[in-house]
Every structure is written in structure tokens, then in C-alpha cells.
């Protein structure tokens, strides 16, 4: 558990460092973003913790700003875990989904 905590803390610090660089006007390189990851393997599940570069646009004009954001990808998820994460304010989406509408997820029984 301490090893995971250490990896997670280092990952968070690296993301904060990349975000600080961007706020100072120095965009993060794609290589640095791609190198900011680690993964956890548990029985029946793999969790990937990585950095993503997102484009944030304003609706009132065409400007877009790039921003480094943390992204956690789960290989599978139960309804119980989904409900718990949503109750804590976590935004869930399907990896690779490019539509604005979020799909309905179904449990396997």
C-alpha cells in the first residue's frame, strides 16, 4: 500500500509540474506527457494512471487552450464502484468516446 501511495504521489506531483509549466507559458511536450503514467494490476482489473492533453475551448469565441489533466482508466467497473465514484463527483466516460452524450453502462451478471 505504501508503494502505491508513493507512485500515486509522484504521479500527482509530475502532473502539477506540467500544469505549472503550461501556466507559465511553456507548453508540455508530448513526450513528457506520454511519460507521465503508471499502472496498477489487481485481480481481475488493470488501472492506468496517466496524463492527457485536453483542448478547452470557450463557446463565445474560437480560442482553445491545451491543458494537462490527470486521467484514470479502469479496465472494468461494477455498478457499485460507478455509483460510489459518481457520488464523490468523479466524471465517468467511456475511453475513446468522442460524442458529447455519455453512454449508459451495463453490468455483466
PDB file of N, CA and C in Angstrom:
ATOM      1  N   UNK A   1       0.829  -1.187   0.000  1.00  0.00           N
ATOM      2  CA  UNK A   1       0.000   0.000   0.000  1.00  0.00           C
ATOM      3  C   UNK A   1       0.883   1.264   0.000  1.00  0.00           C
ATOM      4  N   UNK A   2       1.985   1.231   0.734  1.00  0.00           N
ATOM      5  CA  UNK A   2       2.885   2.391   0.760  1.00  0.00           C
ATOM      6  C   UNK A   2       3.553   2.597  -0.590  1.00  0.00           C
ATOM      7  N   UNK A   3       3.843   1.503  -1.304  1.00  0.00           N
ATOM      8  CA  UNK A   3       4.448   1.623  -2.629  1.00  0.00           C
ATOM      9  C   UNK A   3       3.475   2.299  -3.590  1.00  0.00           C
ATOM     10  N   UNK A   4       2.205   1.904  -3.535  1.00  0.00           N
ATOM     11  CA  UNK A   4       1.198   2.535  -4.382  1.00  0.00           C
ATOM     12  C   UNK A   4       1.064   4.011  -4.042  1.00  0.00           C
ATOM     13  N   UNK A   5       0.997   4.325  -2.757  1.00  0.00           N
ATOM     14  CA  UNK A   5       0.870   5.718  -2.307  1.00  0.00           C
ATOM     15  C   UNK A   5       2.034   6.558  -2.838  1.00  0.00           C
ATOM     16  N   UNK A   6       3.223   5.994  -2.816  1.00  0.00           N
ATOM     17  CA  UNK A   6       4.402   6.701  -3.301  1.00  0.00           C
ATOM     18  C   UNK A   6       4.306   6.955  -4.813  1.00  0.00           C
ATOM     19  N   UNK A   7       3.906   5.933  -5.580  1.00  0.00           N
ATOM     20  CA  UNK A   7       3.735   6.090  -7.019  1.00  0.00           C
ATOM     21  C   UNK A   7       2.664   7.127  -7.337  1.00  0.00           C
ATOM     22  N   UNK A   8       1.558   7.053  -6.627  1.00  0.00           N
ATOM     23  CA  UNK A   8       0.448   7.980  -6.853  1.00  0.00           C
ATOM     24  C   UNK A   8       0.869   9.421  -6.544  1.00  0.00           C
ATOM     25  N   UNK A   9       1.565   9.612  -5.436  1.00  0.00           N
ATOM     26  CA  UNK A   9       2.027  10.954  -5.061  1.00  0.00           C
ATOM     27  C   UNK A   9       3.000  11.516  -6.091  1.00  0.00           C
ATOM     28  N   UNK A  10       3.921  10.689  -6.562  1.00  0.00           N
ATOM     29  CA  UNK A  10       4.888  11.124  -7.578  1.00  0.00           C
ATOM     30  C   UNK A  10       4.171  11.483  -8.877  1.00  0.00           C
ATOM     31  N   UNK A  11       3.147  10.708  -9.255  1.00  0.00           N
ATOM     32  CA  UNK A  11       2.363  10.979 -10.456  1.00  0.00           C
ATOM     33  C   UNK A  11       1.641  12.324 -10.330  1.00  0.00           C
ATOM     34  N   UNK A  12       1.001  12.558  -9.186  1.00  0.00           N
ATOM     35  CA  UNK A  12       0.296  13.828  -8.946  1.00  0.00           C
ATOM     36  C   UNK A  12       1.261  15.012  -9.012  1.00  0.00           C
ATOM     37  N   UNK A  13       2.439  14.858  -8.419  1.00  0.00           N
ATOM     38  CA  UNK A  13       3.439  15.934  -8.443  1.00  0.00           C
ATOM     39  C   UNK A  13       3.901  16.226  -9.866  1.00  0.00           C
ATOM     40  N   UNK A  14       4.088  15.179 -10.664  1.00  0.00           N
ATOM     41  CA  UNK A  14       4.527  15.365 -12.051  1.00  0.00           C
ATOM     42  C   UNK A  14       3.454  16.097 -12.858  1.00  0.00           C
ATOM     43  N   UNK A  15       2.190  15.754 -12.648  1.00  0.00           N
ATOM     44  CA  UNK A  15       1.098  16.435 -13.349  1.00  0.00           C
ATOM     45  C   UNK A  15       1.046  17.905 -12.926  1.00  0.00           C
ATOM     46  N   UNK A  16       1.198  18.162 -11.639  1.00  0.00           N
ATOM     47  CA  UNK A  16       1.199  19.548 -11.158  1.00  0.00           C
ATOM     48  C   UNK A  16       2.362  20.330 -11.764  1.00  0.00           C
ATOM     49  N   UNK A  17       3.501  19.694 -11.899  1.00  0.00           N
ATOM     50  CA  UNK A  17       4.670  20.335 -12.512  1.00  0.00           C
ATOM     51  C   UNK A  17       4.380  20.688 -13.974  1.00  0.00           C
ATOM     52  N   UNK A  18       3.773  19.761 -14.721  1.00  0.00           N
ATOM     53  CA  UNK A  18       3.422  20.025 -16.117  1.00  0.00           C
ATOM     54  C   UNK A  18       2.388  21.140 -16.223  1.00  0.00           C
ATOM     55  N   UNK A  19       1.416  21.145 -15.319  1.00  0.00           N
ATOM     56  CA  UNK A  19       0.396  22.200 -15.313  1.00  0.00           C
ATOM     57  C   UNK A  19       1.015  23.559 -14.991  1.00  0.00           C
ATOM     58  N   UNK A  20       1.952  23.590 -14.059  1.00  0.00           N
ATOM     59  CA  UNK A  20       2.631  24.845 -13.708  1.00  0.00           C
ATOM     60  C   UNK A  20       3.432  25.378 -14.883  1.00  0.00           C
ATOM     61  N   UNK A  21       4.105  24.495 -15.612  1.00  0.00           N
ATOM     62  CA  UNK A  21       4.861  24.905 -16.794  1.00  0.00           C
ATOM     63  C   UNK A  21       3.931  25.544 -17.821  1.00  0.00           C
ATOM     64  N   UNK A  22       2.766  24.918 -18.023  1.00  0.00           N
ATOM     65  CA  UNK A  22       1.818  25.456 -19.001  1.00  0.00           C
ATOM     66  C   UNK A  22       1.292  26.820 -18.570  1.00  0.00           C
ATOM     67  N   UNK A  23       1.024  26.979 -17.276  1.00  0.00           N
ATOM     68  CA  UNK A  23       0.536  28.268 -16.791  1.00  0.00           C
ATOM     69  C   UNK A  23       1.594  29.350 -16.946  1.00  0.00           C
ATOM     70  N   UNK A  24       2.849  28.951 -16.924  1.00  0.00           N
ATOM     71  CA  UNK A  24       3.948  29.900 -17.110  1.00  0.00           C
ATOM     72  C   UNK A  24       4.206  30.185 -18.586  1.00  0.00           C
ATOM     73  N   UNK A  25       3.430  29.544 -19.473  1.00  0.00           N
ATOM     74  CA  UNK A  25       3.563  29.803 -20.897  1.00  0.00           C
ATOM     75  C   UNK A  25       4.443  28.834 -21.657  1.00  0.00           C
ATOM     76  N   UNK A  26       4.923  27.790 -20.995  1.00  0.00           N
ATOM     77  CA  UNK A  26       5.739  26.779 -21.652  1.00  0.00           C
ATOM     78  C   UNK A  26       4.920  25.502 -21.801  1.00  0.00           C
ATOM     79  N   UNK A  27       4.437  25.198 -23.011  1.00  0.00           N
ATOM     80  CA  UNK A  27       3.620  24.000 -23.174  1.00  0.00           C
ATOM     81  C   UNK A  27       4.418  22.728 -22.901  1.00  0.00           C
ATOM     82  N   UNK A  28       3.737  21.764 -22.326  1.00  0.00           N
ATOM     83  CA  UNK A  28       4.370  20.472 -22.051  1.00  0.00           C
ATOM     84  C   UNK A  28       4.569  19.727 -23.363  1.00  0.00           C
ATOM     85  N   UNK A  29       5.703  19.075 -23.496  1.00  0.00           N
ATOM     86  CA  UNK A  29       5.970  18.325 -24.726  1.00  0.00           C
ATOM     87  C   UNK A  29       5.154  17.027 -24.709  1.00  0.00           C
ATOM     88  N   UNK A  30       4.775  16.540 -25.887  1.00  0.00           N
ATOM     89  CA  UNK A  30       4.038  15.271 -25.949  1.00  0.00           C
ATOM     90  C   UNK A  30       4.806  14.120 -25.298  1.00  0.00           C
ATOM     91  N   UNK A  31       6.131  14.157 -25.403  1.00  0.00           N
ATOM     92  CA  UNK A  31       6.950  13.101 -24.794  1.00  0.00           C
ATOM     93  C   UNK A  31       6.832  13.116 -23.270  1.00  0.00           C
ATOM     94  N   UNK A  32       6.882  14.320 -22.682  1.00  0.00           N
ATOM     95  CA  UNK A  32       6.759  14.446 -21.223  1.00  0.00           C
ATOM     96  C   UNK A  32       5.383  13.970 -20.761  1.00  0.00           C
ATOM     97  N   UNK A  33       4.356  14.338 -21.513  1.00  0.00           N
ATOM     98  CA  UNK A  33       3.001  13.910 -21.150  1.00  0.00           C
ATOM     99  C   UNK A  33       2.891  12.393 -21.248  1.00  0.00           C
ATOM    100  N   UNK A  34       3.430  11.817 -22.330  1.00  0.00           N
ATOM    101  CA  UNK A  34       3.360  10.363 -22.524  1.00  0.00           C
ATOM    102  C   UNK A  34       4.137   9.594 -21.454  1.00  0.00           C
ATOM    103  N   UNK A  35       5.158  10.212 -20.886  1.00  0.00           N
ATOM    104  CA  UNK A  35       5.970   9.546 -19.856  1.00  0.00           C
ATOM    105  C   UNK A  35       5.376   9.663 -18.463  1.00  0.00           C
ATOM    106  N   UNK A  36       4.285  10.396 -18.318  1.00  0.00           N
ATOM    107  CA  UNK A  36       3.677  10.617 -17.005  1.00  0.00           C
ATOM    108  C   UNK A  36       2.560   9.604 -16.797  1.00  0.00           C
ATOM    109  N   UNK A  37       2.945   8.399 -16.400  1.00  0.00           N
ATOM    110  CA  UNK A  37       1.957   7.348 -16.174  1.00  0.00           C
ATOM    111  C   UNK A  37       2.500   6.281 -15.229  1.00  0.00           C
ATOM    112  N   UNK A  38       1.596   5.505 -14.682  1.00  0.00           N
ATOM    113  CA  UNK A  38       1.911   4.237 -14.032  1.00  0.00           C
ATOM    114  C   UNK A  38       0.633   3.423 -14.022  1.00  0.00           C
ATOM    115  N   UNK A  39       0.755   2.136 -13.775  1.00  0.00           N
ATOM    116  CA  UNK A  39      -0.445   1.319 -13.745  1.00  0.00           C
ATOM    117  C   UNK A  39      -0.412   0.363 -12.564  1.00  0.00           C
ATOM    118  N   UNK A  40      -1.598  -0.056 -12.188  1.00  0.00           N
ATOM    119  CA  UNK A  40      -1.779  -0.972 -11.066  1.00  0.00           C
ATOM    120  C   UNK A  40      -2.525  -2.205 -11.566  1.00  0.00           C
ATOM    121  N   UNK A  41      -2.034  -3.367 -11.210  1.00  0.00           N
ATOM    122  CA  UNK A  41      -2.689  -4.612 -11.603  1.00  0.00           C
ATOM    123  C   UNK A  41      -3.257  -5.262 -10.352  1.00  0.00           C
ATOM    124  N   UNK A  42      -4.558  -5.504 -10.396  1.00  0.00           N
ATOM    125  CA  UNK A  42      -5.254  -6.193  -9.312  1.00  0.00           C
ATOM    126  C   UNK A  42      -5.945  -7.408  -9.908  1.00  0.00           C
ATOM    127  N   UNK A  43      -6.398  -8.300  -9.083  1.00  0.00           N
ATOM    128  CA  UNK A  43      -7.101  -9.474  -9.567  1.00  0.00           C
ATOM    129  C   UNK A  43      -8.331  -9.028 -10.361  1.00  0.00           C
ATOM    130  N   UNK A  44      -8.348  -9.339 -11.649  1.00  0.00           N
ATOM    131  CA  UNK A  44      -9.496  -9.035 -12.485  1.00  0.00           C
ATOM    132  C   UNK A  44      -9.583  -7.600 -12.977  1.00  0.00           C
ATOM    133  N   UNK A  45      -8.565  -6.756 -12.713  1.00  0.00           N
ATOM    134  CA  UNK A  45      -8.659  -5.360 -13.136  1.00  0.00           C
ATOM    135  C   UNK A  45      -7.271  -4.738 -13.283  1.00  0.00           C
ATOM    136  N   UNK A  46      -7.142  -3.892 -14.303  1.00  0.00           N
ATOM    137  CA  UNK A  46      -5.938  -3.099 -14.503  1.00  0.00           C
ATOM    138  C   UNK A  46      -6.367  -1.638 -14.477  1.00  0.00           C
ATOM    139  N   UNK A  47      -5.607  -0.815 -13.766  1.00  0.00           N
ATOM    140  CA  UNK A  47      -5.908   0.611 -13.677  1.00  0.00           C
ATOM    141  C   UNK A  47      -4.697   1.381 -14.190  1.00  0.00           C
ATOM    142  N   UNK A  48      -4.933   2.216 -15.194  1.00  0.00           N
ATOM    143  CA  UNK A  48      -3.886   3.033 -15.781  1.00  0.00           C
ATOM    144  C   UNK A  48      -4.061   4.472 -15.308  1.00  0.00           C
ATOM    145  N   UNK A  49      -3.019   5.027 -14.742  1.00  0.00           N
ATOM    146  CA  UNK A  49      -2.986   6.422 -14.296  1.00  0.00           C
ATOM    147  C   UNK A  49      -2.065   7.145 -15.277  1.00  0.00           C
ATOM    148  N   UNK A  50      -2.601   8.131 -16.008  1.00  0.00           N
ATOM    149  CA  UNK A  50      -1.773   8.815 -16.991  1.00  0.00           C
ATOM    150  C   UNK A  50      -2.160  10.285 -17.083  1.00  0.00           C
ATOM    151  N   UNK A  51      -1.359  11.031 -17.812  1.00  0.00           N
ATOM    152  CA  UNK A  51      -1.663  12.438 -18.093  1.00  0.00           C
ATOM    153  C   UNK A  51      -2.219  12.519 -19.500  1.00  0.00           C
ATOM    154  N   UNK A  52      -3.203  13.374 -19.684  1.00  0.00           N
ATOM    155  CA  UNK A  52      -3.780  13.622 -21.005  1.00  0.00           C
ATOM    156  C   UNK A  52      -3.699  15.103 -21.311  1.00  0.00           C
ATOM    157  N   UNK A  53      -3.555  15.424 -22.579  1.00  0.00           N
ATOM    158  CA  UNK A  53      -3.599  16.806 -23.026  1.00  0.00           C
ATOM    159  C   UNK A  53      -4.994  17.054 -23.577  1.00  0.00           C
ATOM    160  N   UNK A  54      -5.734  17.946 -22.946  1.00  0.00           N
ATOM    161  CA  UNK A  54      -7.089  18.242 -23.376  1.00  0.00           C
ATOM    162  C   UNK A  54      -7.129  19.614 -24.029  1.00  0.00           C
ATOM    163  N   UNK A  55      -8.087  19.805 -24.883  1.00  0.00           N
ATOM    164  CA  UNK A  55      -8.329  21.106 -25.504  1.00  0.00           C
ATOM    165  C   UNK A  55      -9.561  21.692 -24.855  1.00  0.00           C
ATOM    166  N   UNK A  56      -9.418  22.852 -24.278  1.00  0.00           N
ATOM    167  CA  UNK A  56     -10.537  23.533 -23.637  1.00  0.00           C
ATOM    168  C   UNK A  56     -10.865  24.769 -24.459  1.00  0.00           C
ATOM    169  N   UNK A  57     -12.054  24.803 -25.017  1.00  0.00           N
ATOM    170  CA  UNK A  57     -12.461  25.947 -25.821  1.00  0.00           C
ATOM    171  C   UNK A  57     -13.547  26.737 -25.124  1.00  0.00           C
ATOM    172  N   UNK A  58     -13.606  28.006 -25.429  1.00  0.00           N
ATOM    173  CA  UNK A  58     -14.682  28.841 -24.915  1.00  0.00           C
ATOM    174  C   UNK A  58     -15.752  28.945 -25.989  1.00  0.00           C
ATOM    175  N   UNK A  59     -17.012  28.897 -25.578  1.00  0.00           N
ATOM    176  CA  UNK A  59     -18.109  28.932 -26.536  1.00  0.00           C
ATOM    177  C   UNK A  59     -18.272  30.294 -27.184  1.00  0.00           C
ATOM    178  N   UNK A  60     -17.801  31.364 -26.533  1.00  0.00           N
ATOM    179  CA  UNK A  60     -18.012  32.704 -27.079  1.00  0.00           C
ATOM    180  C   UNK A  60     -17.010  33.083 -28.175  1.00  0.00           C
ATOM    181  N   UNK A  61     -15.959  32.293 -28.336  1.00  0.00           N
ATOM    182  CA  UNK A  61     -15.035  32.534 -29.444  1.00  0.00           C
ATOM    183  C   UNK A  61     -14.361  31.220 -29.827  1.00  0.00           C
ATOM    184  N   UNK A  62     -13.429  31.282 -30.726  1.00  0.00           N
ATOM    185  CA  UNK A  62     -12.803  30.063 -31.236  1.00  0.00           C
ATOM    186  C   UNK A  62     -11.494  29.712 -30.542  1.00  0.00           C
ATOM    187  N   UNK A  63     -11.170  30.376 -29.443  1.00  0.00           N
ATOM    188  CA  UNK A  63      -9.893  30.101 -28.791  1.00  0.00           C
ATOM    189  C   UNK A  63      -9.944  28.761 -28.073  1.00  0.00           C
ATOM    190  N   UNK A  64      -8.843  28.083 -28.120  1.00  0.00           N
ATOM    191  CA  UNK A  64      -8.703  26.818 -27.403  1.00  0.00           C
ATOM    192  C   UNK A  64      -7.395  26.840 -26.638  1.00  0.00           C
ATOM    193  N   UNK A  65      -7.438  26.347 -25.424  1.00  0.00           N
ATOM    194  CA  UNK A  65      -6.239  26.241 -24.607  1.00  0.00           C
ATOM    195  C   UNK A  65      -5.983  24.773 -24.323  1.00  0.00           C
ATOM    196  N   UNK A  66      -4.734  24.357 -24.437  1.00  0.00           N
ATOM    197  CA  UNK A  66      -4.364  22.993 -24.072  1.00  0.00           C
ATOM    198  C   UNK A  66      -4.122  22.949 -22.576  1.00  0.00           C
ATOM    199  N   UNK A  67      -4.476  21.842 -21.975  1.00  0.00           N
ATOM    200  CA  UNK A  67      -4.259  21.698 -20.542  1.00  0.00           C
ATOM    201  C   UNK A  67      -3.941  20.245 -20.216  1.00  0.00           C
ATOM    202  N   UNK A  68      -2.949  20.039 -19.380  1.00  0.00           N
ATOM    203  CA  UNK A  68      -2.606  18.696 -18.911  1.00  0.00           C
ATOM    204  C   UNK A  68      -3.559  18.337 -17.776  1.00  0.00           C
ATOM    205  N   UNK A  69      -4.202  17.185 -17.905  1.00  0.00           N
ATOM    206  CA  UNK A  69      -5.169  16.737 -16.906  1.00  0.00           C
ATOM    207  C   UNK A  69      -4.866  15.294 -16.513  1.00  0.00           C
ATOM    208  N   UNK A  70      -5.093  14.956 -15.245  1.00  0.00           N
ATOM    209  CA  UNK A  70      -4.934  13.557 -14.843  1.00  0.00           C
ATOM    210  C   UNK A  70      -6.069  12.722 -15.417  1.00  0.00           C
ATOM    211  N   UNK A  71      -5.774  11.495 -15.778  1.00  0.00           N
ATOM    212  CA  UNK A  71      -6.766  10.581 -16.332  1.00  0.00           C
ATOM    213  C   UNK A  71      -6.535   9.210 -15.720  1.00  0.00           C
ATOM    214  N   UNK A  72      -7.603   8.604 -15.231  1.00  0.00           N
ATOM    215  CA  UNK A  72      -7.513   7.266 -14.645  1.00  0.00           C
ATOM    216  C   UNK A  72      -8.420   6.354 -15.461  1.00  0.00           C
ATOM    217  N   UNK A  73      -7.849   5.303 -16.035  1.00  0.00           N
ATOM    218  CA  UNK A  73      -8.589   4.407 -16.910  1.00  0.00           C
ATOM    219  C   UNK A  73      -8.693   3.044 -16.232  1.00  0.00           C
ATOM    220  N   UNK A  74      -9.927   2.588 -16.049  1.00  0.00           N
ATOM    221  CA  UNK A  74     -10.196   1.295 -15.430  1.00  0.00           C
ATOM    222  C   UNK A  74     -10.530   0.278 -16.510  1.00  0.00           C
ATOM    223  N   UNK A  75      -9.990  -0.927 -16.396  1.00  0.00           N
ATOM    224  CA  UNK A  75     -10.280  -1.955 -17.396  1.00  0.00           C
ATOM    225  C   UNK A  75     -11.711  -2.463 -17.281  1.00  0.00           C
ATOM    226  N   UNK A  76     -12.280  -2.395 -16.096  1.00  0.00           N
ATOM    227  CA  UNK A  76     -13.672  -2.796 -15.885  1.00  0.00           C
ATOM    228  C   UNK A  76     -14.165  -2.130 -14.608  1.00  0.00           C
ATOM    229  N   UNK A  77     -15.496  -2.043 -14.490  1.00  0.00           N
ATOM    230  CA  UNK A  77     -16.060  -1.354 -13.339  1.00  0.00           C
ATOM    231  C   UNK A  77     -17.445  -1.919 -13.023  1.00  0.00           C
ATOM    232  N   UNK A  78     -17.713  -2.122 -11.748  1.00  0.00           N
ATOM    233  CA  UNK A  78     -19.028  -2.599 -11.323  1.00  0.00           C
ATOM    234  C   UNK A  78     -19.973  -1.413 -11.111  1.00  0.00           C
ATOM    235  N   UNK A  79     -21.254  -1.687 -11.071  1.00  0.00           N
ATOM    236  CA  UNK A  79     -22.234  -0.634 -10.814  1.00  0.00           C
ATOM    237  C   UNK A  79     -21.987  -0.006  -9.440  1.00  0.00           C
ATOM    238  N   UNK A  80     -21.601  -0.817  -8.466  1.00  0.00           N
ATOM    239  CA  UNK A  80     -21.343  -0.310  -7.116  1.00  0.00           C
ATOM    240  C   UNK A  80     -20.201   0.703  -7.136  1.00  0.00           C
ATOM    241  N   UNK A  81     -19.117   0.388  -7.833  1.00  0.00           N
ATOM    242  CA  UNK A  81     -17.975   1.305  -7.921  1.00  0.00           C
ATOM    243  C   UNK A  81     -18.358   2.562  -8.695  1.00  0.00           C
ATOM    244  N   UNK A  82     -19.098   2.404  -9.805  1.00  0.00           N
ATOM    245  CA  UNK A  82     -19.562   3.573 -10.564  1.00  0.00           C
ATOM    246  C   UNK A  82     -20.367   4.509  -9.687  1.00  0.00           C
ATOM    247  N   UNK A  83     -21.304   3.939  -8.923  1.00  0.00           N
ATOM    248  CA  UNK A  83     -22.152   4.759  -8.053  1.00  0.00           C
ATOM    249  C   UNK A  83     -21.323   5.492  -6.998  1.00  0.00           C
ATOM    250  N   UNK A  84     -20.352   4.786  -6.432  1.00  0.00           N
ATOM    251  CA  UNK A  84     -19.502   5.389  -5.403  1.00  0.00           C
ATOM    252  C   UNK A  84     -18.679   6.553  -5.980  1.00  0.00           C
ATOM    253  N   UNK A  85     -18.089   6.343  -7.143  1.00  0.00           N
ATOM    254  CA  UNK A  85     -17.287   7.397  -7.764  1.00  0.00           C
ATOM    255  C   UNK A  85     -18.150   8.589  -8.172  1.00  0.00           C
ATOM    256  N   UNK A  86     -19.323   8.323  -8.739  1.00  0.00           N
ATOM    257  CA  UNK A  86     -20.212   9.417  -9.143  1.00  0.00           C
ATOM    258  C   UNK A  86     -20.681  10.215  -7.933  1.00  0.00           C
ATOM    259  N   UNK A  87     -20.911   9.534  -6.795  1.00  0.00           N
ATOM    260  CA  UNK A  87     -21.347  10.244  -5.589  1.00  0.00           C
ATOM    261  C   UNK A  87     -20.251  11.166  -5.049  1.00  0.00           C
ATOM    262  N   UNK A  88     -18.999  10.888  -5.414  1.00  0.00           N
ATOM    263  CA  UNK A  88     -17.871  11.725  -4.987  1.00  0.00           C
ATOM    264  C   UNK A  88     -17.534  12.792  -6.024  1.00  0.00           C
ATOM    265  N   UNK A  89     -18.375  12.913  -7.070  1.00  0.00           N
ATOM    266  CA  UNK A  89     -18.182  13.956  -8.063  1.00  0.00           C
ATOM    267  C   UNK A  89     -17.228  13.611  -9.188  1.00  0.00           C
ATOM    268  N   UNK A  90     -16.893  12.342  -9.351  1.00  0.00           N
ATOM    269  CA  UNK A  90     -15.983  11.923 -10.420  1.00  0.00           C
ATOM    270  C   UNK A  90     -16.763  11.832 -11.726  1.00  0.00           C
ATOM    271  N   UNK A  91     -16.226  12.447 -12.790  1.00  0.00           N
ATOM    272  CA  UNK A  91     -16.836  12.378 -14.118  1.00  0.00           C
ATOM    273  C   UNK A  91     -16.389  11.079 -14.774  1.00  0.00           C
ATOM    274  N   UNK A  92     -17.340  10.261 -15.201  1.00  0.00           N
ATOM    275  CA  UNK A  92     -17.027   8.990 -15.849  1.00  0.00           C
ATOM    276  C   UNK A  92     -17.359   9.061 -17.326  1.00  0.00           C
ATOM    277  N   UNK A  93     -16.520   8.472 -18.152  1.00  0.00           N
ATOM    278  CA  UNK A  93     -16.807   8.376 -19.581  1.00  0.00           C
ATOM    279  C   UNK A  93     -16.150   7.120 -20.127  1.00  0.00           C
ATOM    280  N   UNK A  94     -16.592   6.732 -21.305  1.00  0.00           N
ATOM    281  CA  UNK A  94     -16.021   5.575 -21.984  1.00  0.00           C
ATOM    282  C   UNK A  94     -14.764   6.033 -22.706  1.00  0.00           C
ATOM    283  N   UNK A  95     -13.661   5.321 -22.515  1.00  0.00           N
ATOM    284  CA  UNK A  95     -12.399   5.673 -23.169  1.00  0.00           C
ATOM    285  C   UNK A  95     -12.584   5.618 -24.677  1.00  0.00           C
ATOM    286  N   UNK A  96     -12.160   6.673 -25.336  1.00  0.00           N
ATOM    287  CA  UNK A  96     -12.268   6.733 -26.781  1.00  0.00           C
ATOM    288  C   UNK A  96     -13.590   7.289 -27.270  1.00  0.00           C
ATOM    289  N   UNK A  97     -14.521   7.608 -26.358  1.00  0.00           N
ATOM    290  CA  UNK A  97     -15.815   8.163 -26.733  1.00  0.00           C
ATOM    291  C   UNK A  97     -15.626   9.619 -27.146  1.00  0.00           C
ATOM    292  N   UNK A  98     -16.018   9.944 -28.376  1.00  0.00           N
ATOM    293  CA  UNK A  98     -15.837  11.309 -28.854  1.00  0.00           C
ATOM    294  C   UNK A  98     -17.142  12.082 -28.920  1.00  0.00           C
ATOM    295  N   UNK A  99     -18.241  11.467 -28.486  1.00  0.00           N
ATOM    296  CA  UNK A  99     -19.519  12.170 -28.522  1.00  0.00           C
ATOM    297  C   UNK A  99     -19.727  12.926 -27.230  1.00  0.00           C
ATOM    298  N   UNK A 100     -20.599  13.928 -27.269  1.00  0.00           N
ATOM    299  CA  UNK A 100     -20.910  14.698 -26.065  1.00  0.00           C
ATOM    300  C   UNK A 100     -21.810  13.909 -25.119  1.00  0.00           C
ATOM    301  N   UNK A 101     -22.607  13.005 -25.670  1.00  0.00           N
ATOM    302  CA  UNK A 101     -23.548  12.240 -24.861  1.00  0.00           C
ATOM    303  C   UNK A 101     -22.843  11.049 -24.230  1.00  0.00           C
ATOM    304  N   UNK A 102     -23.004  10.900 -22.927  1.00  0.00           N
ATOM    305  CA  UNK A 102     -22.387   9.787 -22.223  1.00  0.00           C
ATOM    306  C   UNK A 102     -23.221   8.518 -22.417  1.00  0.00           C
ATOM    307  N   UNK A 103     -22.595   7.394 -22.755  1.00  0.00           N
ATOM    308  CA  UNK A 103     -23.347   6.155 -22.931  1.00  0.00           C
ATOM    309  C   UNK A 103     -23.814   5.586 -21.603  1.00  0.00           C
ATOM    310  N   UNK A 104     -24.861   4.815 -21.644  1.00  0.00           N
ATOM    311  CA  UNK A 104     -25.351   4.099 -20.468  1.00  0.00           C
ATOM    312  C   UNK A 104     -24.518   2.834 -20.328  1.00  0.00           C
ATOM    313  N   UNK A 105     -23.947   2.617 -19.159  1.00  0.00           N
ATOM    314  CA  UNK A 105     -23.117   1.450 -18.917  1.00  0.00           C
ATOM    315  C   UNK A 105     -23.958   0.365 -18.277  1.00  0.00           C
ATOM    316  N   UNK A 106     -23.717  -0.889 -18.668  1.00  0.00           N
ATOM    317  CA  UNK A 106     -24.459  -2.016 -18.134  1.00  0.00           C
ATOM    318  C   UNK A 106     -23.527  -2.928 -17.367  1.00  0.00           C
ATOM    319  N   UNK A 107     -24.044  -3.518 -16.299  1.00  0.00           N
ATOM    320  CA  UNK A 107     -23.294  -4.501 -15.529  1.00  0.00           C
ATOM    321  C   UNK A 107     -23.389  -5.870 -16.192  1.00  0.00           C
ATOM    322  N   UNK A 108     -22.332  -6.635 -16.104  1.00  0.00           N
ATOM    323  CA  UNK A 108     -22.384  -8.035 -16.510  1.00  0.00           C
ATOM    324  C   UNK A 108     -22.757  -8.852 -15.294  1.00  0.00           C
ATOM    325  N   UNK A 109     -23.692  -9.739 -15.442  1.00  0.00           N
ATOM    326  CA  UNK A 109     -24.104 -10.579 -14.297  1.00  0.00           C
ATOM    327  C   UNK A 109     -23.872 -12.016 -14.588  1.00  0.00           C
TER     328      UNK A 109
END
